[in-house]
Full PDB file with SEQRES, HELIX, SHEET, SSBOND, CRYST1, ORIGX, SCALE, CONECT and MASTER records, all heavy atoms in Angstrom:
SEQRES   1 A   34  ASN ALA LYS ASN THR LEU TYR LEU GLN MET ASN GLY LEU          
SEQRES   2 A   34  LYS PRO GLU ASP THR GLY THR TYR TYR CYS ALA ALA HIS          
SEQRES   3 A   34  SER GLY SER TRP CYS ALA LEU ARG                              
HELIX    1 AA1 PRO A   15  ASP A   17  5                                   3    
CRYST1    1.000    1.000    1.000  90.00  90.00  90.00 P 1           1          
ORIGX1      1.000000  0.000000  0.000000        0.00000                         
ORIGX2      0.000000  1.000000  0.000000        0.00000                         
ORIGX3      0.000000  0.000000  1.000000        0.00000                         
SCALE1      1.000000  0.000000  0.000000        0.00000                         
SCALE2      0.000000  1.000000  0.000000        0.00000                         
SCALE3      0.000000  0.000000  1.000000        0.00000                         
ATOM      1  N   ASN A   1      20.599 -61.215  60.448  1.00  0.00           N  
ATOM      2  CA  ASN A   1      21.035 -62.603  60.360  1.00  0.00           C  
ATOM      3  C   ASN A   1      20.334 -63.370  59.235  1.00  0.00           C  
ATOM      4  O   ASN A   1      20.924 -64.267  58.635  1.00  0.00           O  
ATOM      5  CB  ASN A   1      20.810 -63.317  61.692  1.00  0.00           C  
ATOM      6  CG  ASN A   1      21.750 -62.843  62.773  1.00  0.00           C  
ATOM      7  OD1 ASN A   1      22.822 -62.303  62.486  1.00  0.00           O  
ATOM      8  ND2 ASN A   1      21.367 -63.041  64.031  1.00  0.00           N  
ATOM      9  N   ALA A   2      19.082 -63.018  58.961  1.00  0.00           N  
ATOM     10  CA  ALA A   2      18.342 -63.687  57.901  1.00  0.00           C  
ATOM     11  C   ALA A   2      18.991 -63.460  56.542  1.00  0.00           C  
ATOM     12  O   ALA A   2      18.940 -64.327  55.669  1.00  0.00           O  
ATOM     13  CB  ALA A   2      16.891 -63.222  57.879  1.00  0.00           C  
ATOM     14  N   LYS A   3      19.596 -62.295  56.369  1.00  0.00           N  
ATOM     15  CA  LYS A   3      20.254 -61.956  55.110  1.00  0.00           C  
ATOM     16  C   LYS A   3      21.766 -62.119  55.173  1.00  0.00           C  
ATOM     17  O   LYS A   3      22.455 -61.872  54.183  1.00  0.00           O  
ATOM     18  CB  LYS A   3      19.927 -60.515  54.714  1.00  0.00           C  
ATOM     19  CG  LYS A   3      18.454 -60.264  54.428  1.00  0.00           C  
ATOM     20  CD  LYS A   3      18.221 -58.820  54.005  1.00  0.00           C  
ATOM     21  CE  LYS A   3      16.762 -58.573  53.677  1.00  0.00           C  
ATOM     22  NZ  LYS A   3      16.522 -57.161  53.266  1.00  0.00           N  
ATOM     23  N   ASN A   4      22.263 -62.531  56.333  1.00  0.00           N  
ATOM     24  CA  ASN A   4      23.708 -62.646  56.540  1.00  0.00           C  
ATOM     25  C   ASN A   4      24.422 -61.362  56.138  1.00  0.00           C  
ATOM     26  O   ASN A   4      25.433 -61.376  55.424  1.00  0.00           O  
ATOM     27  CB  ASN A   4      24.278 -63.838  55.771  1.00  0.00           C  
ATOM     28  CG  ASN A   4      23.997 -65.162  56.441  1.00  0.00           C  
ATOM     29  OD1 ASN A   4      23.518 -65.215  57.570  1.00  0.00           O  
ATOM     30  ND2 ASN A   4      24.299 -66.244  55.744  1.00  0.00           N  
ATOM     31  N   THR A   5      23.888 -60.254  56.607  1.00  0.00           N  
ATOM     32  CA  THR A   5      24.404 -58.951  56.215  1.00  0.00           C  
ATOM     33  C   THR A   5      24.668 -58.076  57.431  1.00  0.00           C  
ATOM     34  O   THR A   5      23.867 -58.032  58.368  1.00  0.00           O  
ATOM     35  CB  THR A   5      23.423 -58.234  55.274  1.00  0.00           C  
ATOM     36  OG1 THR A   5      23.204 -59.044  54.110  1.00  0.00           O  
ATOM     37  CG2 THR A   5      23.978 -56.891  54.834  1.00  0.00           C  
ATOM     38  N   LEU A   6      25.780 -57.396  57.398  1.00  0.00           N  
ATOM     39  CA  LEU A   6      26.168 -56.438  58.414  1.00  0.00           C  
ATOM     40  C   LEU A   6      26.039 -55.038  57.831  1.00  0.00           C  
ATOM     41  O   LEU A   6      26.364 -54.815  56.663  1.00  0.00           O  
ATOM     42  CB  LEU A   6      27.610 -56.695  58.850  1.00  0.00           C  
ATOM     43  CG  LEU A   6      28.176 -55.843  59.976  1.00  0.00           C  
ATOM     44  CD1 LEU A   6      27.610 -56.298  61.321  1.00  0.00           C  
ATOM     45  CD2 LEU A   6      29.701 -55.919  59.981  1.00  0.00           C  
ATOM     46  N   TYR A   7      25.586 -54.090  58.644  1.00  0.00           N  
ATOM     47  CA  TYR A   7      25.398 -52.723  58.186  1.00  0.00           C  
ATOM     48  C   TYR A   7      26.157 -51.741  59.067  1.00  0.00           C  
ATOM     49  O   TYR A   7      26.400 -51.997  60.252  1.00  0.00           O  
ATOM     50  CB  TYR A   7      23.916 -52.335  58.206  1.00  0.00           C  
ATOM     51  CG  TYR A   7      23.031 -53.211  57.368  1.00  0.00           C  
ATOM     52  CD1 TYR A   7      22.277 -54.220  57.948  1.00  0.00           C  
ATOM     53  CD2 TYR A   7      22.935 -53.024  55.991  1.00  0.00           C  
ATOM     54  CE1 TYR A   7      21.450 -55.028  57.187  1.00  0.00           C  
ATOM     55  CE2 TYR A   7      22.116 -53.824  55.218  1.00  0.00           C  
ATOM     56  CZ  TYR A   7      21.373 -54.826  55.819  1.00  0.00           C  
ATOM     57  OH  TYR A   7      20.555 -55.618  55.055  1.00  0.00           O  
ATOM     58  N   LEU A   8      26.514 -50.630  58.472  1.00  0.00           N  
ATOM     59  CA  LEU A   8      27.033 -49.504  59.224  1.00  0.00           C  
ATOM     60  C   LEU A   8      26.315 -48.255  58.743  1.00  0.00           C  
ATOM     61  O   LEU A   8      26.544 -47.793  57.624  1.00  0.00           O  
ATOM     62  CB  LEU A   8      28.547 -49.339  59.046  1.00  0.00           C  
ATOM     63  CG  LEU A   8      29.167 -48.197  59.853  1.00  0.00           C  
ATOM     64  CD1 LEU A   8      29.096 -48.505  61.348  1.00  0.00           C  
ATOM     65  CD2 LEU A   8      30.610 -47.942  59.431  1.00  0.00           C  
ATOM     66  N   GLN A   9      25.427 -47.741  59.578  1.00  0.00           N  
ATOM     67  CA  GLN A   9      24.738 -46.498  59.279  1.00  0.00           C  
ATOM     68  C   GLN A   9      25.584 -45.349  59.793  1.00  0.00           C  
ATOM     69  O   GLN A   9      25.900 -45.290  60.983  1.00  0.00           O  
ATOM     70  CB  GLN A   9      23.358 -46.474  59.936  1.00  0.00           C  
ATOM     71  CG  GLN A   9      22.563 -45.201  59.687  1.00  0.00           C  
ATOM     72  CD  GLN A   9      22.167 -45.029  58.241  1.00  0.00           C  
ATOM     73  OE1 GLN A   9      21.677 -45.954  57.614  1.00  0.00           O  
ATOM     74  NE2 GLN A   9      22.390 -43.837  57.698  1.00  0.00           N  
ATOM     75  N   MET A  10      25.942 -44.435  58.910  1.00  0.00           N  
ATOM     76  CA  MET A  10      26.791 -43.313  59.257  1.00  0.00           C  
ATOM     77  C   MET A  10      26.024 -42.029  59.021  1.00  0.00           C  
ATOM     78  O   MET A  10      25.665 -41.710  57.891  1.00  0.00           O  
ATOM     79  CB  MET A  10      28.084 -43.333  58.432  1.00  0.00           C  
ATOM     80  CG  MET A  10      28.880 -44.621  58.577  1.00  0.00           C  
ATOM     81  SD  MET A  10      30.468 -44.555  57.711  1.00  0.00           S  
ATOM     82  CE  MET A  10      29.900 -44.483  56.010  1.00  0.00           C  
ATOM     83  N   ASN A  11      25.771 -41.307  60.093  1.00  0.00           N  
ATOM     84  CA  ASN A  11      25.071 -40.038  60.027  1.00  0.00           C  
ATOM     85  C   ASN A  11      25.980 -38.916  60.494  1.00  0.00           C  
ATOM     86  O   ASN A  11      26.958 -39.143  61.203  1.00  0.00           O  
ATOM     87  CB  ASN A  11      23.815 -40.070  60.903  1.00  0.00           C  
ATOM     88  CG  ASN A  11      22.823 -41.116  60.474  1.00  0.00           C  
ATOM     89  OD1 ASN A  11      22.640 -41.376  59.286  1.00  0.00           O  
ATOM     90  ND2 ASN A  11      22.145 -41.726  61.449  1.00  0.00           N  
ATOM     91  N   GLY A  12      25.632 -37.709  60.103  1.00  0.00           N  
ATOM     92  CA  GLY A  12      26.428 -36.557  60.503  1.00  0.00           C  
ATOM     93  C   GLY A  12      27.889 -36.700  60.129  1.00  0.00           C  
ATOM     94  O   GLY A  12      28.777 -36.406  60.937  1.00  0.00           O  
ATOM     95  N   LEU A  13      28.145 -37.130  58.914  1.00  0.00           N  
ATOM     96  CA  LEU A  13      29.514 -37.397  58.479  1.00  0.00           C  
ATOM     97  C   LEU A  13      30.369 -36.139  58.489  1.00  0.00           C  
ATOM     98  O   LEU A  13      29.903 -35.052  58.161  1.00  0.00           O  
ATOM     99  CB  LEU A  13      29.511 -38.027  57.098  1.00  0.00           C  
ATOM    100  CG  LEU A  13      29.098 -39.503  57.073  1.00  0.00           C  
ATOM    101  CD1 LEU A  13      28.746 -39.946  55.667  1.00  0.00           C  
ATOM    102  CD2 LEU A  13      30.218 -40.365  57.643  1.00  0.00           C  
ATOM    103  N   LYS A  14      31.614 -36.327  58.862  1.00  0.00           N  
ATOM    104  CA  LYS A  14      32.590 -35.254  58.939  1.00  0.00           C  
ATOM    105  C   LYS A  14      33.746 -35.550  57.991  1.00  0.00           C  
ATOM    106  O   LYS A  14      33.990 -36.704  57.662  1.00  0.00           O  
ATOM    107  CB  LYS A  14      33.115 -35.120  60.368  1.00  0.00           C  
ATOM    108  CG  LYS A  14      32.044 -34.903  61.424  1.00  0.00           C  
ATOM    109  CD  LYS A  14      32.647 -34.907  62.813  1.00  0.00           C  
ATOM    110  CE  LYS A  14      31.587 -34.701  63.874  1.00  0.00           C  
ATOM    111  NZ  LYS A  14      32.165 -34.709  65.242  1.00  0.00           N  
ATOM    112  N   PRO A  15      34.470 -34.521  57.563  1.00  0.00           N  
ATOM    113  CA  PRO A  15      35.616 -34.753  56.682  1.00  0.00           C  
ATOM    114  C   PRO A  15      36.613 -35.755  57.249  1.00  0.00           C  
ATOM    115  O   PRO A  15      37.206 -36.526  56.489  1.00  0.00           O  
ATOM    116  CB  PRO A  15      36.244 -33.366  56.549  1.00  0.00           C  
ATOM    117  CG  PRO A  15      35.091 -32.433  56.704  1.00  0.00           C  
ATOM    118  CD  PRO A  15      34.216 -33.073  57.746  1.00  0.00           C  
ATOM    119  N   GLU A  16      36.795 -35.773  58.546  1.00  0.00           N  
ATOM    120  CA  GLU A  16      37.722 -36.707  59.160  1.00  0.00           C  
ATOM    121  C   GLU A  16      37.254 -38.157  59.103  1.00  0.00           C  
ATOM    122  O   GLU A  16      38.009 -39.068  59.444  1.00  0.00           O  
ATOM    123  CB  GLU A  16      38.031 -36.310  60.612  1.00  0.00           C  
ATOM    124  CG  GLU A  16      36.798 -36.084  61.467  1.00  0.00           C  
ATOM    125  CD  GLU A  16      36.407 -34.616  61.567  1.00  0.00           C  
ATOM    126  OE1 GLU A  16      36.438 -33.923  60.540  1.00  0.00           O  
ATOM    127  OE2 GLU A  16      36.080 -34.164  62.686  1.00  0.00           O  
ATOM    128  N   ASP A  17      36.001 -38.378  58.687  1.00  0.00           N  
ATOM    129  CA  ASP A  17      35.502 -39.735  58.488  1.00  0.00           C  
ATOM    130  C   ASP A  17      35.947 -40.321  57.154  1.00  0.00           C  
ATOM    131  O   ASP A  17      35.724 -41.506  56.897  1.00  0.00           O  
ATOM    132  CB  ASP A  17      33.974 -39.766  58.557  1.00  0.00           C  
ATOM    133  CG  ASP A  17      33.437 -39.424  59.934  1.00  0.00           C  
ATOM    134  OD1 ASP A  17      34.038 -39.866  60.938  1.00  0.00           O  
ATOM    135  OD2 ASP A  17      32.411 -38.726  60.006  1.00  0.00           O  
ATOM    136  N   THR A  18      36.543 -39.504  56.316  1.00  0.00           N  
ATOM    137  CA  THR A  18      37.018 -39.964  55.015  1.00  0.00           C  
ATOM    138  C   THR A  18      38.035 -41.090  55.174  1.00  0.00           C  
ATOM    139  O   THR A  18      38.917 -41.025  56.031  1.00  0.00           O  
ATOM    140  CB  THR A  18      37.648 -38.805  54.231  1.00  0.00           C  
ATOM    141  OG1 THR A  18      36.634 -37.842  53.915  1.00  0.00           O  
ATOM    142  CG2 THR A  18      38.272 -39.294  52.931  1.00  0.00           C  
ATOM    143  N   GLY A  19      37.900 -42.111  54.356  1.00  0.00           N  
ATOM    144  CA  GLY A  19      38.833 -43.219  54.397  1.00  0.00           C  
ATOM    145  C   GLY A  19      38.269 -44.438  53.702  1.00  0.00           C  
ATOM    146  O   GLY A  19      37.163 -44.410  53.175  1.00  0.00           O  
ATOM    147  N   THR A  20      39.047 -45.490  53.709  1.00  0.00           N  
ATOM    148  CA  THR A  20      38.591 -46.766  53.187  1.00  0.00           C  
ATOM    149  C   THR A  20      38.025 -47.583  54.343  1.00  0.00           C  
ATOM    150  O   THR A  20      38.704 -47.793  55.346  1.00  0.00           O  
ATOM    151  CB  THR A  20      39.733 -47.536  52.512  1.00  0.00           C  
ATOM    152  OG1 THR A  20      40.282 -46.735  51.455  1.00  0.00           O  
ATOM    153  CG2 THR A  20      39.231 -48.839  51.919  1.00  0.00           C  
ATOM    154  N   TYR A  21      36.801 -48.014  54.192  1.00  0.00           N  
ATOM    155  CA  TYR A  21      36.114 -48.749  55.249  1.00  0.00           C  
ATOM    156  C   TYR A  21      36.092 -50.234  54.927  1.00  0.00           C  
ATOM    157  O   TYR A  21      35.754 -50.637  53.817  1.00  0.00           O  
ATOM    158  CB  TYR A  21      34.694 -48.223  55.423  1.00  0.00           C  
ATOM    159  CG  TYR A  21      34.632 -46.916  56.178  1.00  0.00           C  
ATOM    160  CD1 TYR A  21      35.113 -45.745  55.604  1.00  0.00           C  
ATOM    161  CD2 TYR A  21      34.117 -46.859  57.468  1.00  0.00           C  
ATOM    162  CE1 TYR A  21      35.087 -44.549  56.296  1.00  0.00           C  
ATOM    163  CE2 TYR A  21      34.079 -45.666  58.167  1.00  0.00           C  
ATOM    164  CZ  TYR A  21      34.567 -44.514  57.579  1.00  0.00           C  
ATOM    165  OH  TYR A  21      34.530 -43.321  58.274  1.00  0.00           O  
ATOM    166  N   TYR A  22      36.445 -51.032  55.913  1.00  0.00           N  
ATOM    167  CA  TYR A  22      36.525 -52.472  55.760  1.00  0.00           C  
ATOM    168  C   TYR A  22      35.578 -53.177  56.716  1.00  0.00           C  
ATOM    169  O   TYR A  22      35.449 -52.790  57.878  1.00  0.00           O  
ATOM    170  CB  TYR A  22      37.944 -52.977  56.040  1.00  0.00           C  
ATOM    171  CG  TYR A  22      39.012 -52.418  55.130  1.00  0.00           C  
ATOM    172  CD1 TYR A  22      39.664 -51.229  55.433  1.00  0.00           C  
ATOM    173  CD2 TYR A  22      39.374 -53.090  53.967  1.00  0.00           C  
ATOM    174  CE1 TYR A  22      40.642 -50.719  54.604  1.00  0.00           C  
ATOM    175  CE2 TYR A  22      40.358 -52.588  53.137  1.00  0.00           C  
ATOM    176  CZ  TYR A  22      40.990 -51.394  53.462  1.00  0.00           C  
ATOM    177  OH  TYR A  22      41.964 -50.901  52.638  1.00  0.00           O  
ATOM    178  N   CYS A  23      34.950 -54.197  56.234  1.00  0.00           N  
ATOM    179  CA  CYS A  23      34.190 -55.116  57.057  1.00  0.00           C  
ATOM    180  C   CYS A  23      35.109 -56.257  57.462  1.00  0.00           C  
ATOM    181  O   CYS A  23      35.952 -56.694  56.675  1.00  0.00           O  
ATOM    182  CB  CYS A  23      32.987 -55.642  56.270  1.00  0.00           C  
ATOM    183  SG  CYS A  23      32.004 -56.899  57.107  1.00  0.00           S  
ATOM    184  N   ALA A  24      34.956 -56.736  58.682  1.00  0.00           N  
ATOM    185  CA  ALA A  24      35.819 -57.801  59.163  1.00  0.00           C  
ATOM    186  C   ALA A  24      35.068 -58.730  60.103  1.00  0.00           C  
ATOM    187  O   ALA A  24      34.038 -58.367  60.674  1.00  0.00           O  
ATOM    188  CB  ALA A  24      37.048 -57.218  59.872  1.00  0.00           C  
ATOM    189  N   ALA A  25      35.616 -59.933  60.275  1.00  0.00           N  
ATOM    190  CA  ALA A  25      34.991 -60.929  61.133  1.00  0.00           C  
ATOM    191  C   ALA A  25      36.035 -61.826  61.758  1.00  0.00           C  
ATOM    192  O   ALA A  25      37.146 -61.966  61.240  1.00  0.00           O  
ATOM    193  CB  ALA A  25      33.989 -61.768  60.337  1.00  0.00           C  
ATOM    194  N   HIS A  26      35.685 -62.430  62.875  1.00  0.00           N  
ATOM    195  CA  HIS A  26      36.511 -63.473  63.466  1.00  0.00           C  
ATOM    196  C   HIS A  26      35.633 -64.382  64.301  1.00  0.00           C  
ATOM    197  O   HIS A  26      34.474 -64.067  64.594  1.00  0.00           O  
ATOM    198  CB  HIS A  26      37.682 -62.899  64.283  1.00  0.00           C  
ATOM    199  CG  HIS A  26      37.295 -62.247  65.577  1.00  0.00           C  
ATOM    200  ND1 HIS A  26      36.956 -62.973  66.705  1.00  0.00           N  
ATOM    201  CD2 HIS A  26      37.220 -60.938  65.926  1.00  0.00           C  
ATOM    202  CE1 HIS A  26      36.678 -62.134  67.695  1.00  0.00           C  
ATOM    203  NE2 HIS A  26      36.833 -60.902  67.249  1.00  0.00           N  
ATOM    204  N   SER A  27      36.187 -65.519  64.692  1.00  0.00           N  
ATOM    205  CA  SER A  27      35.458 -66.520  65.456  1.00  0.00           C  
ATOM    206  C   SER A  27      36.080 -66.752  66.833  1.00  0.00           C  
ATOM    207  O   SER A  27      35.894 -67.812  67.437  1.00  0.00           O  
ATOM    208  CB  SER A  27      35.396 -67.844  64.683  1.00  0.00           C  
ATOM    209  OG  SER A  27      36.691 -68.318  64.367  1.00  0.00           O  
ATOM    210  N   GLY A  28      36.798 -65.770  67.336  1.00  0.00           N  
ATOM    211  CA  GLY A  28      37.438 -65.876  68.635  1.00  0.00           C  
ATOM    212  C   GLY A  28      36.483 -65.644  69.788  1.00  0.00           C  
ATOM    213  O   GLY A  28      35.269 -65.509  69.617  1.00  0.00           O  
ATOM    214  N   SER A  29      37.057 -65.576  70.973  1.00  0.00           N  
ATOM    215  CA  SER A  29      36.259 -65.486  72.196  1.00  0.00           C  
ATOM    216  C   SER A  29      35.828 -64.072  72.545  1.00  0.00           C  
ATOM    217  O   SER A  29      34.859 -63.886  73.285  1.00  0.00           O  
ATOM    218  CB  SER A  29      37.050 -66.066  73.372  1.00  0.00           C  
ATOM    219  OG  SER A  29      37.365 -67.436  73.158  1.00  0.00           O  
ATOM    220  N   TRP A  30      36.541 -63.077  72.033  1.00  0.00           N  
ATOM    221  CA  TRP A  30      36.280 -61.700  72.412  1.00  0.00           C  
ATOM    222  C   TRP A  30      35.879 -60.872  71.208  1.00  0.00           C  
ATOM    223  O   TRP A  30      36.097 -61.246  70.059  1.00  0.00           O  
ATOM    224  CB  TRP A  30      37.519 -61.103  73.084  1.00  0.00           C  
ATOM    225  CG  TRP A  30      38.053 -61.951  74.190  1.00  0.00           C  
ATOM    226  CD1 TRP A  30      39.201 -62.674  74.199  1.00  0.00           C  
ATOM    227  CD2 TRP A  30      37.435 -62.182  75.468  1.00  0.00           C  
ATOM    228  NE1 TRP A  30      39.349 -63.346  75.375  1.00  0.00           N  
ATOM    229  CE2 TRP A  30      38.277 -63.062  76.185  1.00  0.00           C  
ATOM    230  CE3 TRP A  30      36.263 -61.734  76.065  1.00  0.00           C  
ATOM    231  CZ2 TRP A  30      37.970 -63.490  77.471  1.00  0.00           C  
ATOM    232  CZ3 TRP A  30      35.961 -62.170  77.348  1.00  0.00           C  
ATOM    233  CH2 TRP A  30      36.819 -63.034  78.031  1.00  0.00           C  
ATOM    234  N   CYS A  31      35.310 -59.707  71.492  1.00  0.00           N  
ATOM    235  CA  CYS A  31      34.863 -58.802  70.446  1.00  0.00           C  
ATOM    236  C   CYS A  31      35.214 -57.386  70.870  1.00  0.00           C  
ATOM    237  O   CYS A  31      34.613 -56.834  71.792  1.00  0.00           O  
ATOM    238  CB  CYS A  31      33.355 -58.942  70.227  1.00  0.00           C  
ATOM    239  SG  CYS A  31      32.725 -58.177  68.723  1.00  0.00           S  
ATOM    240  N   ALA A  32      36.201 -56.816  70.196  1.00  0.00           N  
ATOM    241  CA  ALA A  32      36.687 -55.497  70.568  1.00  0.00           C  
ATOM    242  C   ALA A  32      37.147 -54.728  69.339  1.00  0.00           C  
ATOM    243  O   ALA A  32      37.285 -55.287  68.249  1.00  0.00           O  
ATOM    244  CB  ALA A  32      37.836 -55.621  71.571  1.00  0.00           C  
ATOM    245  N   LEU A  33      37.407 -53.441  69.535  1.00  0.00           N  
ATOM    246  CA  LEU A  33      37.798 -52.556  68.449  1.00  0.00           C  
ATOM    247  C   LEU A  33      39.290 -52.652  68.153  1.00  0.00           C  
ATOM    248  O   LEU A  33      40.002 -51.648  68.124  1.00  0.00           O  
ATOM    249  CB  LEU A  33      37.417 -51.111  68.793  1.00  0.00           C  
ATOM    250  CG  LEU A  33      35.920 -50.807  68.859  1.00  0.00           C  
ATOM    251  CD1 LEU A  33      35.669 -49.547  69.678  1.00  0.00           C  
ATOM    252  CD2 LEU A  33      35.353 -50.669  67.459  1.00  0.00           C  
ATOM    253  N   ARG A  34      39.755 -53.848  67.932  1.00  0.00           N  
ATOM    254  CA  ARG A  34      41.168 -54.095  67.660  1.00  0.00           C  
ATOM    255  C   ARG A  34      41.312 -54.860  66.352  1.00  0.00           C  
ATOM    256  O   ARG A  34      40.937 -56.033  66.271  1.00  0.00           O  
ATOM    257  CB  ARG A  34      41.820 -54.866  68.806  1.00  0.00           C  
ATOM    258  CG  ARG A  34      41.899 -54.076  70.114  1.00  0.00           C  
ATOM    259  CD  ARG A  34      42.731 -54.811  71.141  1.00  0.00           C  
ATOM    260  NE  ARG A  34      42.027 -55.957  71.681  1.00  0.00           N  
ATOM    261  CZ  ARG A  34      41.249 -55.919  72.761  1.00  0.00           C  
ATOM    262  NH1 ARG A  34      41.079 -54.775  73.425  1.00  0.00           N  
ATOM    263  NH2 ARG A  34      40.641 -57.010  73.176  1.00  0.00           N  
TER     264      ARG A  34                                                      
MASTER        0    0    0    1    0    0    0    6  263    1    0    3          
END                                                                             
């Protein structure tokens, strides 16, 4: 929060992890993988 930064540490990467990764945010009431 001090740096206003979000991280994603990815270990043990697999070929199926290949793709374009996006960061996203919202200000709604819920927080889910949608």
